[in-house]
């Protein structure tokens, strides 16, 4: 890990991972901010049947994955949106099912269709959706039984101001390490590798063909 070769490999993995997920994170934050600002909590409370506890318990895990599918947000980009839904009144199991559902958002389903054809994509959708609903219901029952379901609905997506606390210190430390990894990445031809990875396969094949025929 501490060798030059190991440090270079770490820097490449670090930047490549961020290059792969930054759009999802940014999209999730933008969507969460838009819904939090434009959609009143009264709508969410009616939609999630907050006034009917039993119905809300059953409805949350059923509708959570559907909201995730329609949001187009993959990976950890769905966490800010989950906070907005939690503040709006979705059940605990609904939040769990929503977070699990990044495996069946529409872009991922399209990938399943391309790789495995339509029938298998529908099978994966049905089985995954069922598993997410059952998991959400089960986890809420277990967490309620041991008293771990949060009572407060005031999840914070972004802090409105900067304060000096342990989070600030950790952020500064992370920025320092990230800066070192970025410098190493650019010094070891990482940018060229990143550009190559972003080239569509068809373009890469044509370029390779021209290289061999030259």
N, C-alpha and C. Protein backbone atom coordinates (compact mmCIF):
# COMPACT_ATOMS: atom_id res chain seq x y z
N UNK A 1 0.82 -1.20 0.00
CA UNK A 1 0.00 0.00 0.00
C UNK A 1 0.86 1.26 0.00
N UNK A 2 1.94 1.23 0.77
CA UNK A 2 2.78 2.43 0.91
C UNK A 2 3.89 2.50 -0.13
N UNK A 3 3.98 1.51 -1.01
CA UNK A 3 4.97 1.57 -2.08
C UNK A 3 4.51 2.54 -3.15
N UNK A 4 5.43 2.95 -4.02
CA UNK A 4 5.07 3.87 -5.11
C UNK A 4 4.01 3.25 -6.01
N UNK A 5 4.19 1.97 -6.31
CA UNK A 5 3.23 1.28 -7.18
C UNK A 5 1.85 1.18 -6.51
N UNK A 6 1.86 0.86 -5.22
CA UNK A 6 0.60 0.77 -4.49
C UNK A 6 -0.11 2.11 -4.39
N UNK A 7 0.66 3.17 -4.12
CA UNK A 7 0.08 4.51 -4.00
C UNK A 7 -0.53 4.95 -5.33
N UNK A 8 0.15 4.61 -6.43
CA UNK A 8 -0.37 4.93 -7.76
C UNK A 8 -1.68 4.19 -8.02
N UNK A 9 -1.71 2.90 -7.68
CA UNK A 9 -2.92 2.11 -7.90
C UNK A 9 -4.09 2.66 -7.08
N UNK A 10 -3.80 3.04 -5.83
CA UNK A 10 -4.85 3.61 -4.98
C UNK A 10 -5.40 4.90 -5.58
N UNK A 11 -4.50 5.75 -6.06
CA UNK A 11 -4.94 7.02 -6.65
C UNK A 11 -5.81 6.79 -7.87
N UNK A 12 -5.47 5.80 -8.68
CA UNK A 12 -6.25 5.52 -9.88
C UNK A 12 -7.64 4.99 -9.52
N UNK A 13 -7.67 4.05 -8.56
CA UNK A 13 -8.97 3.52 -8.13
C UNK A 13 -9.84 4.63 -7.53
N UNK A 14 -9.22 5.50 -6.75
CA UNK A 14 -9.96 6.58 -6.09
C UNK A 14 -10.61 7.50 -7.11
N UNK A 15 -9.83 7.96 -8.07
CA UNK A 15 -10.37 8.90 -9.06
C UNK A 15 -11.36 8.21 -9.98
N UNK A 16 -11.07 6.99 -10.39
CA UNK A 16 -11.99 6.27 -11.27
C UNK A 16 -13.34 6.05 -10.59
N UNK A 17 -13.32 5.70 -9.31
CA UNK A 17 -14.58 5.50 -8.59
C UNK A 17 -15.39 6.78 -8.52
N UNK A 18 -14.71 7.89 -8.22
CA UNK A 18 -15.42 9.17 -8.16
C UNK A 18 -15.94 9.58 -9.53
N UNK A 19 -15.17 9.29 -10.57
CA UNK A 19 -15.62 9.61 -11.92
C UNK A 19 -16.87 8.82 -12.29
N UNK A 20 -17.00 7.62 -11.71
CA UNK A 20 -18.14 6.77 -12.03
C UNK A 20 -19.41 7.17 -11.29
N UNK A 21 -19.26 7.75 -10.08
CA UNK A 21 -20.46 7.98 -9.25
C UNK A 21 -20.81 9.44 -9.03
N UNK A 22 -19.97 10.38 -9.48
CA UNK A 22 -20.24 11.78 -9.12
C UNK A 22 -21.55 12.28 -9.73
N UNK A 23 -21.91 11.78 -10.90
CA UNK A 23 -23.17 12.22 -11.50
C UNK A 23 -24.37 11.75 -10.67
N UNK A 24 -24.27 10.52 -10.14
CA UNK A 24 -25.36 10.01 -9.31
C UNK A 24 -25.50 10.82 -8.03
N UNK A 25 -24.36 11.16 -7.42
CA UNK A 25 -24.40 11.95 -6.18
C UNK A 25 -24.98 13.33 -6.45
N UNK A 26 -24.47 13.98 -7.51
CA UNK A 26 -24.97 15.33 -7.84
C UNK A 26 -26.45 15.29 -8.20
N UNK A 27 -26.84 14.29 -8.98
CA UNK A 27 -28.24 14.17 -9.35
C UNK A 27 -29.13 13.93 -8.14
N UNK A 28 -28.66 13.09 -7.22
CA UNK A 28 -29.43 12.84 -6.01
C UNK A 28 -29.60 14.08 -5.16
N UNK A 29 -28.54 14.86 -5.02
CA UNK A 29 -28.62 16.09 -4.24
C UNK A 29 -29.56 17.11 -4.90
N UNK A 30 -29.44 17.24 -6.23
CA UNK A 30 -30.32 18.18 -6.93
C UNK A 30 -31.79 17.77 -6.84
N UNK A 31 -32.04 16.47 -7.04
CA UNK A 31 -33.42 16.00 -6.97
C UNK A 31 -33.98 16.12 -5.56
N UNK A 32 -33.16 15.77 -4.57
CA UNK A 32 -33.60 15.90 -3.18
C UNK A 32 -33.89 17.35 -2.83
N UNK A 33 -33.02 18.26 -3.28
CA UNK A 33 -33.24 19.67 -3.01
C UNK A 33 -34.50 20.19 -3.68
N UNK A 34 -34.73 19.76 -4.93
CA UNK A 34 -35.92 20.21 -5.65
C UNK A 34 -37.20 19.72 -4.98
N UNK A 35 -37.22 18.43 -4.62
CA UNK A 35 -38.41 17.88 -3.98
C UNK A 35 -38.63 18.49 -2.60
N UNK A 36 -37.51 18.69 -1.87
CA UNK A 36 -37.64 19.28 -0.55
C UNK A 36 -38.15 20.71 -0.59
N UNK A 37 -37.78 21.44 -1.65
CA UNK A 37 -38.18 22.85 -1.75
C UNK A 37 -39.55 23.02 -2.38
N UNK A 38 -39.89 22.20 -3.37
CA UNK A 38 -41.10 22.42 -4.15
C UNK A 38 -42.30 21.59 -3.70
N UNK A 39 -42.04 20.42 -3.10
CA UNK A 39 -43.15 19.54 -2.71
C UNK A 39 -43.41 19.70 -1.21
N UNK A 40 -44.58 20.16 -0.81
CA UNK A 40 -44.85 20.35 0.62
C UNK A 40 -44.96 19.02 1.35
N UNK A 41 -44.63 19.05 2.65
CA UNK A 41 -44.71 17.84 3.45
C UNK A 41 -46.12 17.28 3.52
N UNK A 42 -47.12 18.15 3.38
CA UNK A 42 -48.51 17.68 3.43
C UNK A 42 -48.79 16.67 2.31
N UNK A 43 -48.19 16.91 1.14
CA UNK A 43 -48.38 15.96 0.03
C UNK A 43 -47.78 14.61 0.39
N UNK A 44 -46.53 14.61 0.88
CA UNK A 44 -45.88 13.36 1.24
C UNK A 44 -46.65 12.63 2.33
N UNK A 45 -47.15 13.37 3.32
CA UNK A 45 -47.88 12.74 4.41
C UNK A 45 -49.16 12.08 3.92
N UNK A 46 -49.85 12.71 2.97
CA UNK A 46 -51.03 12.07 2.39
C UNK A 46 -50.64 10.87 1.53
N UNK A 47 -49.57 11.05 0.76
CA UNK A 47 -49.14 9.98 -0.14
C UNK A 47 -48.69 8.74 0.63
N UNK A 48 -48.01 8.94 1.75
CA UNK A 48 -47.50 7.82 2.55
C UNK A 48 -48.46 7.38 3.65
N UNK A 49 -49.68 7.91 3.64
CA UNK A 49 -50.75 7.48 4.56
C UNK A 49 -50.34 7.60 6.02
N UNK A 50 -49.75 8.74 6.36
CA UNK A 50 -49.22 8.93 7.71
C UNK A 50 -50.30 8.81 8.77
N UNK A 51 -51.53 9.20 8.45
CA UNK A 51 -52.61 9.17 9.43
C UNK A 51 -53.16 7.76 9.68
N UNK A 52 -52.66 6.79 8.93
CA UNK A 52 -53.13 5.40 9.08
C UNK A 52 -51.91 4.50 9.30
N UNK A 53 -51.48 4.30 10.54
CA UNK A 53 -50.22 3.60 10.83
C UNK A 53 -50.09 2.22 10.19
N UNK A 54 -51.14 1.40 10.26
CA UNK A 54 -51.04 0.06 9.70
C UNK A 54 -50.90 0.12 8.18
N UNK A 55 -51.73 0.95 7.55
CA UNK A 55 -51.64 1.10 6.10
C UNK A 55 -50.29 1.68 5.69
N UNK A 56 -49.78 2.64 6.47
CA UNK A 56 -48.48 3.24 6.17
C UNK A 56 -47.36 2.21 6.26
N UNK A 57 -47.46 1.32 7.26
CA UNK A 57 -46.47 0.26 7.42
C UNK A 57 -46.43 -0.65 6.20
N UNK A 58 -47.59 -0.98 5.66
CA UNK A 58 -47.66 -1.86 4.49
C UNK A 58 -47.36 -1.12 3.19
N UNK A 59 -47.80 0.13 3.09
CA UNK A 59 -47.69 0.90 1.86
C UNK A 59 -46.26 1.38 1.60
N UNK A 60 -45.54 1.77 2.65
CA UNK A 60 -44.20 2.32 2.48
C UNK A 60 -43.26 1.43 1.70
N UNK A 61 -43.06 0.15 2.12
CA UNK A 61 -42.16 -0.73 1.37
C UNK A 61 -42.65 -1.06 -0.03
N UNK A 62 -43.97 -0.96 -0.26
CA UNK A 62 -44.50 -1.24 -1.59
C UNK A 62 -44.19 -0.10 -2.55
N UNK A 63 -44.38 1.14 -2.08
CA UNK A 63 -44.22 2.29 -2.97
C UNK A 63 -42.78 2.82 -3.00
N UNK A 64 -41.99 2.51 -1.97
CA UNK A 64 -40.61 3.01 -1.92
C UNK A 64 -39.78 2.65 -3.14
N UNK A 65 -39.74 1.36 -3.54
CA UNK A 65 -38.98 1.01 -4.74
C UNK A 65 -39.51 1.66 -6.01
N UNK A 66 -40.83 1.89 -6.08
CA UNK A 66 -41.40 2.53 -7.27
C UNK A 66 -40.93 3.97 -7.38
N UNK A 67 -40.90 4.68 -6.25
CA UNK A 67 -40.37 6.05 -6.26
C UNK A 67 -38.92 6.04 -6.69
N UNK A 68 -38.15 5.07 -6.20
CA UNK A 68 -36.73 4.97 -6.58
C UNK A 68 -36.58 4.73 -8.07
N UNK A 69 -37.40 3.84 -8.62
CA UNK A 69 -37.32 3.54 -10.05
C UNK A 69 -37.58 4.79 -10.89
N UNK A 70 -38.56 5.57 -10.51
CA UNK A 70 -38.93 6.75 -11.29
C UNK A 70 -37.97 7.91 -11.09
N UNK A 71 -37.16 7.86 -10.02
CA UNK A 71 -36.25 8.97 -9.74
C UNK A 71 -34.99 8.92 -10.59
N UNK A 72 -34.67 7.75 -11.19
CA UNK A 72 -33.48 7.58 -12.04
C UNK A 72 -32.17 7.71 -11.26
N UNK A 73 -32.21 7.81 -9.94
CA UNK A 73 -30.99 8.04 -9.16
C UNK A 73 -30.43 6.70 -8.72
N UNK A 74 -29.17 6.45 -9.07
CA UNK A 74 -28.53 5.19 -8.73
C UNK A 74 -27.58 5.36 -7.54
N UNK A 75 -27.15 4.23 -7.02
CA UNK A 75 -26.08 4.18 -6.03
C UNK A 75 -26.36 5.08 -4.84
N UNK A 76 -25.31 5.72 -4.27
CA UNK A 76 -25.49 6.52 -3.06
C UNK A 76 -26.17 7.84 -3.33
N UNK A 77 -26.47 8.14 -4.59
CA UNK A 77 -27.21 9.36 -4.88
C UNK A 77 -28.63 9.32 -4.37
N UNK A 78 -29.12 8.11 -3.98
CA UNK A 78 -30.49 8.04 -3.47
C UNK A 78 -30.60 8.36 -1.99
N UNK A 79 -29.48 8.48 -1.29
CA UNK A 79 -29.52 8.74 0.15
C UNK A 79 -30.10 10.12 0.46
N UNK A 80 -29.68 11.21 -0.22
CA UNK A 80 -30.33 12.50 0.06
C UNK A 80 -31.83 12.49 -0.19
N UNK A 81 -32.26 11.79 -1.24
CA UNK A 81 -33.69 11.71 -1.52
C UNK A 81 -34.40 10.89 -0.46
N UNK A 82 -33.73 9.85 0.06
CA UNK A 82 -34.32 9.06 1.14
C UNK A 82 -34.56 9.93 2.37
N UNK A 83 -33.66 10.87 2.63
CA UNK A 83 -33.84 11.78 3.77
C UNK A 83 -35.08 12.66 3.57
N UNK A 84 -35.30 13.13 2.34
CA UNK A 84 -36.48 13.94 2.05
C UNK A 84 -37.75 13.12 2.26
N UNK A 85 -37.76 11.88 1.78
CA UNK A 85 -38.94 11.03 1.94
C UNK A 85 -39.19 10.72 3.41
N UNK A 86 -38.11 10.48 4.18
CA UNK A 86 -38.27 10.21 5.61
C UNK A 86 -38.87 11.42 6.32
N UNK A 87 -38.38 12.60 5.99
CA UNK A 87 -38.95 13.81 6.58
C UNK A 87 -40.42 13.98 6.19
N UNK A 88 -40.77 13.47 5.00
CA UNK A 88 -42.14 13.59 4.53
C UNK A 88 -43.10 12.60 5.12
N UNK A 89 -42.58 11.56 5.80
CA UNK A 89 -43.47 10.64 6.49
C UNK A 89 -43.46 9.20 6.03
N UNK A 90 -42.59 8.82 5.09
CA UNK A 90 -42.54 7.42 4.67
C UNK A 90 -42.14 6.55 5.85
N UNK A 91 -42.63 5.32 5.87
CA UNK A 91 -42.31 4.42 6.98
C UNK A 91 -40.84 4.03 6.95
N UNK A 92 -40.35 3.51 8.07
CA UNK A 92 -38.95 3.08 8.15
C UNK A 92 -38.67 1.98 7.13
N UNK A 93 -39.59 1.02 7.03
CA UNK A 93 -39.42 -0.03 6.03
C UNK A 93 -39.45 0.51 4.62
N UNK A 94 -40.23 1.59 4.40
CA UNK A 94 -40.27 2.21 3.09
C UNK A 94 -38.94 2.82 2.70
N UNK A 95 -38.27 3.46 3.67
CA UNK A 95 -36.94 4.02 3.41
C UNK A 95 -35.96 2.92 3.05
N UNK A 96 -36.01 1.81 3.81
CA UNK A 96 -35.10 0.68 3.54
C UNK A 96 -35.34 0.14 2.13
N UNK A 97 -36.59 -0.09 1.77
CA UNK A 97 -36.90 -0.59 0.43
C UNK A 97 -36.47 0.39 -0.65
N UNK A 98 -36.66 1.68 -0.38
CA UNK A 98 -36.25 2.71 -1.34
C UNK A 98 -34.75 2.66 -1.59
N UNK A 99 -33.97 2.55 -0.53
CA UNK A 99 -32.51 2.53 -0.68
C UNK A 99 -32.06 1.26 -1.41
N UNK A 100 -32.69 0.12 -1.10
CA UNK A 100 -32.35 -1.12 -1.79
C UNK A 100 -32.65 -1.04 -3.29
N UNK A 101 -33.60 -0.20 -3.67
CA UNK A 101 -34.12 -0.22 -5.03
C UNK A 101 -33.21 0.42 -6.06
N UNK A 102 -31.98 0.80 -5.67
CA UNK A 102 -31.08 1.33 -6.70
C UNK A 102 -30.69 0.24 -7.70
N UNK A 103 -31.03 -1.02 -7.39
CA UNK A 103 -30.74 -2.11 -8.32
C UNK A 103 -31.79 -2.24 -9.42
N UNK A 104 -32.92 -1.53 -9.29
CA UNK A 104 -33.96 -1.66 -10.30
C UNK A 104 -34.41 -0.30 -10.84
N UNK A 105 -33.56 0.71 -10.72
CA UNK A 105 -33.91 1.99 -11.35
C UNK A 105 -33.87 1.80 -12.87
N UNK A 106 -34.53 2.68 -13.59
CA UNK A 106 -34.73 2.48 -15.03
C UNK A 106 -33.43 2.33 -15.82
N UNK A 107 -32.36 3.11 -15.55
CA UNK A 107 -31.12 2.88 -16.30
C UNK A 107 -30.54 1.49 -16.08
N UNK A 108 -30.64 0.96 -14.84
CA UNK A 108 -30.13 -0.38 -14.56
C UNK A 108 -31.00 -1.43 -15.25
N UNK A 109 -32.31 -1.23 -15.24
CA UNK A 109 -33.19 -2.17 -15.94
C UNK A 109 -32.89 -2.20 -17.43
N UNK A 110 -32.53 -1.06 -18.00
CA UNK A 110 -32.16 -1.02 -19.42
C UNK A 110 -30.89 -1.82 -19.68
N UNK A 111 -29.95 -1.76 -18.72
CA UNK A 111 -28.73 -2.57 -18.84
C UNK A 111 -29.08 -4.05 -18.77
N UNK A 112 -29.95 -4.43 -17.83
CA UNK A 112 -30.40 -5.83 -17.76
C UNK A 112 -31.00 -6.26 -19.09
N UNK A 113 -31.82 -5.41 -19.68
CA UNK A 113 -32.47 -5.75 -20.95
C UNK A 113 -31.45 -5.97 -22.06
N UNK A 114 -30.42 -5.12 -22.09
CA UNK A 114 -29.42 -5.24 -23.15
C UNK A 114 -28.58 -6.50 -22.99
N UNK A 115 -28.26 -6.85 -21.73
CA UNK A 115 -27.39 -8.00 -21.49
C UNK A 115 -28.16 -9.32 -21.48
N UNK A 116 -29.35 -9.33 -20.88
CA UNK A 116 -30.06 -10.58 -20.62
C UNK A 116 -31.38 -10.71 -21.38
N UNK A 117 -31.74 -9.74 -22.19
CA UNK A 117 -32.99 -9.71 -22.94
C UNK A 117 -34.17 -9.36 -22.02
N UNK A 118 -35.30 -9.05 -22.66
CA UNK A 118 -36.44 -8.51 -21.94
C UNK A 118 -37.05 -9.44 -20.91
N UNK A 119 -37.16 -10.72 -21.24
CA UNK A 119 -37.81 -11.66 -20.32
C UNK A 119 -37.02 -11.79 -19.02
N UNK A 120 -35.72 -11.93 -19.13
CA UNK A 120 -34.89 -12.05 -17.93
C UNK A 120 -34.88 -10.73 -17.15
N UNK A 121 -34.91 -9.60 -17.86
CA UNK A 121 -34.96 -8.30 -17.18
C UNK A 121 -36.23 -8.18 -16.34
N UNK A 122 -37.36 -8.63 -16.89
CA UNK A 122 -38.62 -8.59 -16.14
C UNK A 122 -38.57 -9.53 -14.94
N UNK A 123 -37.93 -10.69 -15.12
CA UNK A 123 -37.78 -11.63 -14.00
C UNK A 123 -36.94 -11.02 -12.88
N UNK A 124 -35.83 -10.38 -13.26
CA UNK A 124 -34.99 -9.72 -12.26
C UNK A 124 -35.74 -8.59 -11.56
N UNK A 125 -36.53 -7.84 -12.33
CA UNK A 125 -37.33 -6.77 -11.75
C UNK A 125 -38.33 -7.32 -10.73
N UNK A 126 -39.05 -8.37 -11.11
CA UNK A 126 -40.09 -8.92 -10.23
C UNK A 126 -39.49 -9.51 -8.96
N UNK A 127 -38.44 -10.31 -9.10
CA UNK A 127 -37.85 -10.95 -7.93
C UNK A 127 -37.16 -9.93 -7.03
N UNK A 128 -36.47 -8.97 -7.63
CA UNK A 128 -35.79 -7.94 -6.83
C UNK A 128 -36.81 -7.08 -6.09
N UNK A 129 -37.86 -6.68 -6.78
CA UNK A 129 -38.89 -5.85 -6.16
C UNK A 129 -39.54 -6.58 -4.98
N UNK A 130 -39.88 -7.84 -5.19
CA UNK A 130 -40.48 -8.63 -4.11
C UNK A 130 -39.55 -8.73 -2.92
N UNK A 131 -38.27 -8.99 -3.18
CA UNK A 131 -37.29 -9.10 -2.10
C UNK A 131 -37.16 -7.79 -1.34
N UNK A 132 -37.21 -6.66 -2.06
CA UNK A 132 -37.08 -5.35 -1.41
C UNK A 132 -38.28 -5.06 -0.51
N UNK A 133 -39.48 -5.40 -0.99
CA UNK A 133 -40.68 -5.17 -0.18
C UNK A 133 -40.64 -6.03 1.08
N UNK A 134 -40.33 -7.30 0.92
CA UNK A 134 -40.26 -8.21 2.07
C UNK A 134 -39.18 -7.77 3.05
N UNK A 135 -38.03 -7.36 2.51
CA UNK A 135 -36.93 -6.90 3.37
C UNK A 135 -37.33 -5.66 4.15
N UNK A 136 -38.00 -4.71 3.49
CA UNK A 136 -38.43 -3.50 4.18
C UNK A 136 -39.39 -3.79 5.31
N UNK A 137 -40.38 -4.65 5.05
CA UNK A 137 -41.35 -5.02 6.09
C UNK A 137 -40.67 -5.74 7.24
N UNK A 138 -39.79 -6.68 6.92
CA UNK A 138 -39.12 -7.46 7.95
C UNK A 138 -38.21 -6.60 8.81
N UNK A 139 -37.42 -5.75 8.17
CA UNK A 139 -36.49 -4.91 8.93
C UNK A 139 -37.24 -3.95 9.84
N UNK A 140 -38.35 -3.40 9.37
CA UNK A 140 -39.11 -2.50 10.24
C UNK A 140 -39.68 -3.25 11.44
N UNK A 141 -40.19 -4.45 11.23
CA UNK A 141 -40.72 -5.24 12.34
C UNK A 141 -39.63 -5.53 13.37
N UNK A 142 -38.46 -5.94 12.89
CA UNK A 142 -37.35 -6.27 13.80
C UNK A 142 -36.88 -5.03 14.54
N UNK A 143 -36.69 -3.93 13.82
CA UNK A 143 -36.20 -2.70 14.46
C UNK A 143 -37.23 -2.13 15.44
N UNK A 144 -38.51 -2.26 15.12
CA UNK A 144 -39.52 -1.81 16.07
C UNK A 144 -39.50 -2.66 17.33
N UNK A 145 -39.30 -3.96 17.16
CA UNK A 145 -39.30 -4.86 18.31
C UNK A 145 -38.17 -4.55 19.29
N UNK A 146 -37.04 -4.09 18.77
CA UNK A 146 -35.89 -3.79 19.65
C UNK A 146 -35.72 -2.29 19.88
N UNK A 147 -36.69 -1.50 19.42
CA UNK A 147 -36.70 -0.08 19.71
C UNK A 147 -35.67 0.76 18.99
N UNK A 148 -35.34 0.39 17.75
CA UNK A 148 -34.31 1.11 17.01
C UNK A 148 -34.86 1.98 15.88
N UNK A 149 -36.17 2.03 15.70
CA UNK A 149 -36.73 2.90 14.68
C UNK A 149 -36.69 4.34 15.18
N UNK A 150 -36.04 5.26 14.46
CA UNK A 150 -35.95 6.66 14.92
C UNK A 150 -37.33 7.29 15.06
N UNK A 151 -37.48 8.11 16.09
CA UNK A 151 -38.74 8.83 16.30
C UNK A 151 -38.74 10.18 15.60
N UNK A 152 -37.56 10.81 15.49
CA UNK A 152 -37.48 12.13 14.87
C UNK A 152 -37.51 12.01 13.35
N UNK A 153 -38.15 12.97 12.73
CA UNK A 153 -38.16 13.04 11.27
C UNK A 153 -37.59 14.39 10.86
N UNK A 154 -36.32 14.55 11.11
CA UNK A 154 -35.64 15.81 10.80
C UNK A 154 -34.27 15.52 10.21
N UNK A 155 -34.24 14.60 9.25
CA UNK A 155 -32.97 14.25 8.62
C UNK A 155 -32.44 15.45 7.85
N UNK A 156 -31.15 15.72 7.99
CA UNK A 156 -30.52 16.87 7.35
C UNK A 156 -29.76 16.39 6.12
N UNK A 157 -30.10 16.94 4.95
CA UNK A 157 -29.42 16.58 3.71
C UNK A 157 -28.11 17.34 3.59
N UNK A 158 -28.14 18.65 3.79
CA UNK A 158 -26.95 19.50 3.73
C UNK A 158 -27.01 20.50 4.87
N UNK A 159 -25.88 20.67 5.57
CA UNK A 159 -25.82 21.65 6.65
C UNK A 159 -25.91 23.06 6.08
N UNK A 160 -26.73 23.95 6.66
CA UNK A 160 -26.86 25.30 6.11
C UNK A 160 -25.68 26.20 6.41
N UNK A 161 -24.80 25.80 7.32
CA UNK A 161 -23.66 26.63 7.67
C UNK A 161 -22.51 25.73 8.10
N UNK A 162 -21.33 26.29 8.14
CA UNK A 162 -20.13 25.55 8.51
C UNK A 162 -19.86 25.75 9.99
N UNK A 163 -19.66 24.66 10.70
CA UNK A 163 -19.31 24.72 12.12
C UNK A 163 -18.06 23.89 12.35
N UNK A 164 -17.32 24.24 13.37
CA UNK A 164 -16.09 23.51 13.70
C UNK A 164 -16.45 22.36 14.64
N UNK A 165 -16.46 21.16 14.10
CA UNK A 165 -16.71 19.97 14.90
C UNK A 165 -15.92 18.81 14.30
N UNK A 166 -16.19 17.60 14.78
CA UNK A 166 -15.41 16.47 14.29
C UNK A 166 -15.65 16.22 12.80
N UNK A 167 -16.85 16.54 12.31
CA UNK A 167 -17.12 16.38 10.88
C UNK A 167 -16.25 17.31 10.05
N UNK A 168 -16.09 18.55 10.52
CA UNK A 168 -15.23 19.51 9.82
C UNK A 168 -13.80 19.01 9.77
N UNK A 169 -13.31 18.50 10.89
CA UNK A 169 -11.94 17.99 10.95
C UNK A 169 -11.77 16.82 9.99
N UNK A 170 -12.72 15.89 9.98
CA UNK A 170 -12.64 14.75 9.07
C UNK A 170 -12.71 15.19 7.61
N UNK A 171 -13.53 16.19 7.33
CA UNK A 171 -13.62 16.71 5.95
C UNK A 171 -12.30 17.31 5.50
N UNK A 172 -11.65 18.07 6.38
CA UNK A 172 -10.36 18.68 6.04
C UNK A 172 -9.32 17.59 5.80
N UNK A 173 -9.31 16.57 6.67
CA UNK A 173 -8.37 15.46 6.49
C UNK A 173 -8.62 14.75 5.17
N UNK A 174 -9.90 14.52 4.86
CA UNK A 174 -10.23 13.85 3.60
C UNK A 174 -9.79 14.68 2.40
N UNK A 175 -10.02 15.99 2.45
CA UNK A 175 -9.62 16.85 1.34
C UNK A 175 -8.11 16.81 1.13
N UNK A 176 -7.35 16.76 2.22
CA UNK A 176 -5.91 16.67 2.10
C UNK A 176 -5.47 15.38 1.44
N UNK A 177 -6.06 14.26 1.89
CA UNK A 177 -5.72 12.96 1.29
C UNK A 177 -6.18 12.91 -0.17
N UNK A 178 -7.38 13.45 -0.43
CA UNK A 178 -7.88 13.46 -1.81
C UNK A 178 -6.98 14.29 -2.71
N UNK A 179 -6.48 15.41 -2.21
CA UNK A 179 -5.56 16.23 -2.99
C UNK A 179 -4.29 15.48 -3.34
N UNK A 180 -3.73 14.74 -2.37
CA UNK A 180 -2.53 13.95 -2.63
C UNK A 180 -2.79 12.88 -3.70
N UNK A 181 -3.95 12.23 -3.60
CA UNK A 181 -4.28 11.19 -4.57
C UNK A 181 -4.51 11.77 -5.96
N UNK A 182 -5.12 12.95 -6.02
CA UNK A 182 -5.32 13.60 -7.32
C UNK A 182 -4.00 13.96 -7.98
N UNK A 183 -3.09 14.52 -7.20
CA UNK A 183 -1.77 14.88 -7.74
C UNK A 183 -1.08 13.64 -8.28
N UNK A 184 -1.13 12.55 -7.51
CA UNK A 184 -0.50 11.31 -7.96
C UNK A 184 -1.18 10.78 -9.23
N UNK A 185 -2.49 10.90 -9.28
CA UNK A 185 -3.25 10.42 -10.44
C UNK A 185 -2.82 11.15 -11.70
N UNK A 186 -2.72 12.48 -11.65
CA UNK A 186 -2.36 13.25 -12.83
C UNK A 186 -0.89 13.05 -13.21
N UNK A 187 -0.04 12.83 -12.22
CA UNK A 187 1.38 12.65 -12.51
C UNK A 187 1.69 11.28 -13.11
N UNK A 188 0.78 10.33 -12.98
CA UNK A 188 1.04 8.97 -13.47
C UNK A 188 0.14 8.61 -14.65
N UNK A 189 -0.18 9.62 -15.47
CA UNK A 189 -0.92 9.42 -16.72
C UNK A 189 -2.33 8.88 -16.49
N UNK A 190 -2.89 9.19 -15.34
CA UNK A 190 -4.23 8.70 -15.05
C UNK A 190 -5.30 9.33 -15.92
N UNK A 191 -5.10 10.60 -16.29
CA UNK A 191 -6.11 11.30 -17.09
C UNK A 191 -6.29 10.64 -18.45
N UNK A 192 -5.19 10.22 -19.06
CA UNK A 192 -5.29 9.55 -20.36
C UNK A 192 -6.06 8.24 -20.22
N UNK A 193 -5.81 7.51 -19.14
CA UNK A 193 -6.53 6.26 -18.91
C UNK A 193 -8.02 6.52 -18.71
N UNK A 194 -8.33 7.59 -17.98
CA UNK A 194 -9.74 7.93 -17.74
C UNK A 194 -10.44 8.28 -19.05
N UNK A 195 -9.75 9.02 -19.91
CA UNK A 195 -10.34 9.37 -21.21
C UNK A 195 -10.57 8.13 -22.05
N UNK A 196 -9.65 7.19 -22.00
CA UNK A 196 -9.80 5.95 -22.76
C UNK A 196 -11.00 5.16 -22.29
N UNK A 197 -11.21 5.12 -20.97
CA UNK A 197 -12.34 4.38 -20.42
C UNK A 197 -13.67 5.02 -20.78
N UNK A 198 -13.67 6.33 -21.02
CA UNK A 198 -14.91 7.03 -21.34
C UNK A 198 -15.26 6.99 -22.82
N UNK A 199 -14.34 6.48 -23.65
CA UNK A 199 -14.60 6.39 -25.09
C UNK A 199 -15.56 5.24 -25.34
N UNK A 200 -16.65 5.44 -26.09
CA UNK A 200 -17.57 4.34 -26.42
C UNK A 200 -16.83 3.20 -27.09
N UNK A 201 -17.31 1.98 -26.87
CA UNK A 201 -16.65 0.79 -27.38
C UNK A 201 -16.51 0.82 -28.89
N UNK A 202 -17.54 1.28 -29.59
CA UNK A 202 -17.49 1.32 -31.05
C UNK A 202 -16.39 2.24 -31.55
N UNK A 203 -16.23 3.40 -30.87
CA UNK A 203 -15.18 4.33 -31.26
C UNK A 203 -13.81 3.73 -31.00
N UNK A 204 -13.70 3.04 -29.85
CA UNK A 204 -12.42 2.43 -29.52
C UNK A 204 -12.06 1.35 -30.53
N UNK A 205 -13.06 0.58 -30.99
CA UNK A 205 -12.81 -0.48 -31.97
C UNK A 205 -12.35 0.12 -33.29
N UNK A 206 -13.00 1.21 -33.73
CA UNK A 206 -12.59 1.86 -34.98
C UNK A 206 -11.17 2.41 -34.87
N UNK A 207 -10.85 3.00 -33.71
CA UNK A 207 -9.51 3.54 -33.53
C UNK A 207 -8.47 2.43 -33.56
N UNK A 208 -8.80 1.29 -32.92
CA UNK A 208 -7.87 0.17 -32.93
C UNK A 208 -7.70 -0.38 -34.33
N UNK A 209 -8.79 -0.43 -35.11
CA UNK A 209 -8.72 -0.92 -36.48
C UNK A 209 -7.84 -0.02 -37.34
N UNK A 210 -8.00 1.31 -37.17
CA UNK A 210 -7.17 2.25 -37.93
C UNK A 210 -5.70 2.10 -37.55
N UNK A 211 -5.45 1.82 -36.26
CA UNK A 211 -4.06 1.67 -35.82
C UNK A 211 -3.41 0.46 -36.48
N UNK A 212 -4.18 -0.65 -36.59
CA UNK A 212 -3.60 -1.86 -37.17
C UNK A 212 -3.44 -1.76 -38.68
N UNK A 213 -4.32 -0.96 -39.32
CA UNK A 213 -4.23 -0.85 -40.77
C UNK A 213 -3.24 0.22 -41.21
N UNK A 214 -2.79 1.07 -40.25
CA UNK A 214 -1.87 2.14 -40.60
C UNK A 214 -0.49 1.58 -40.93
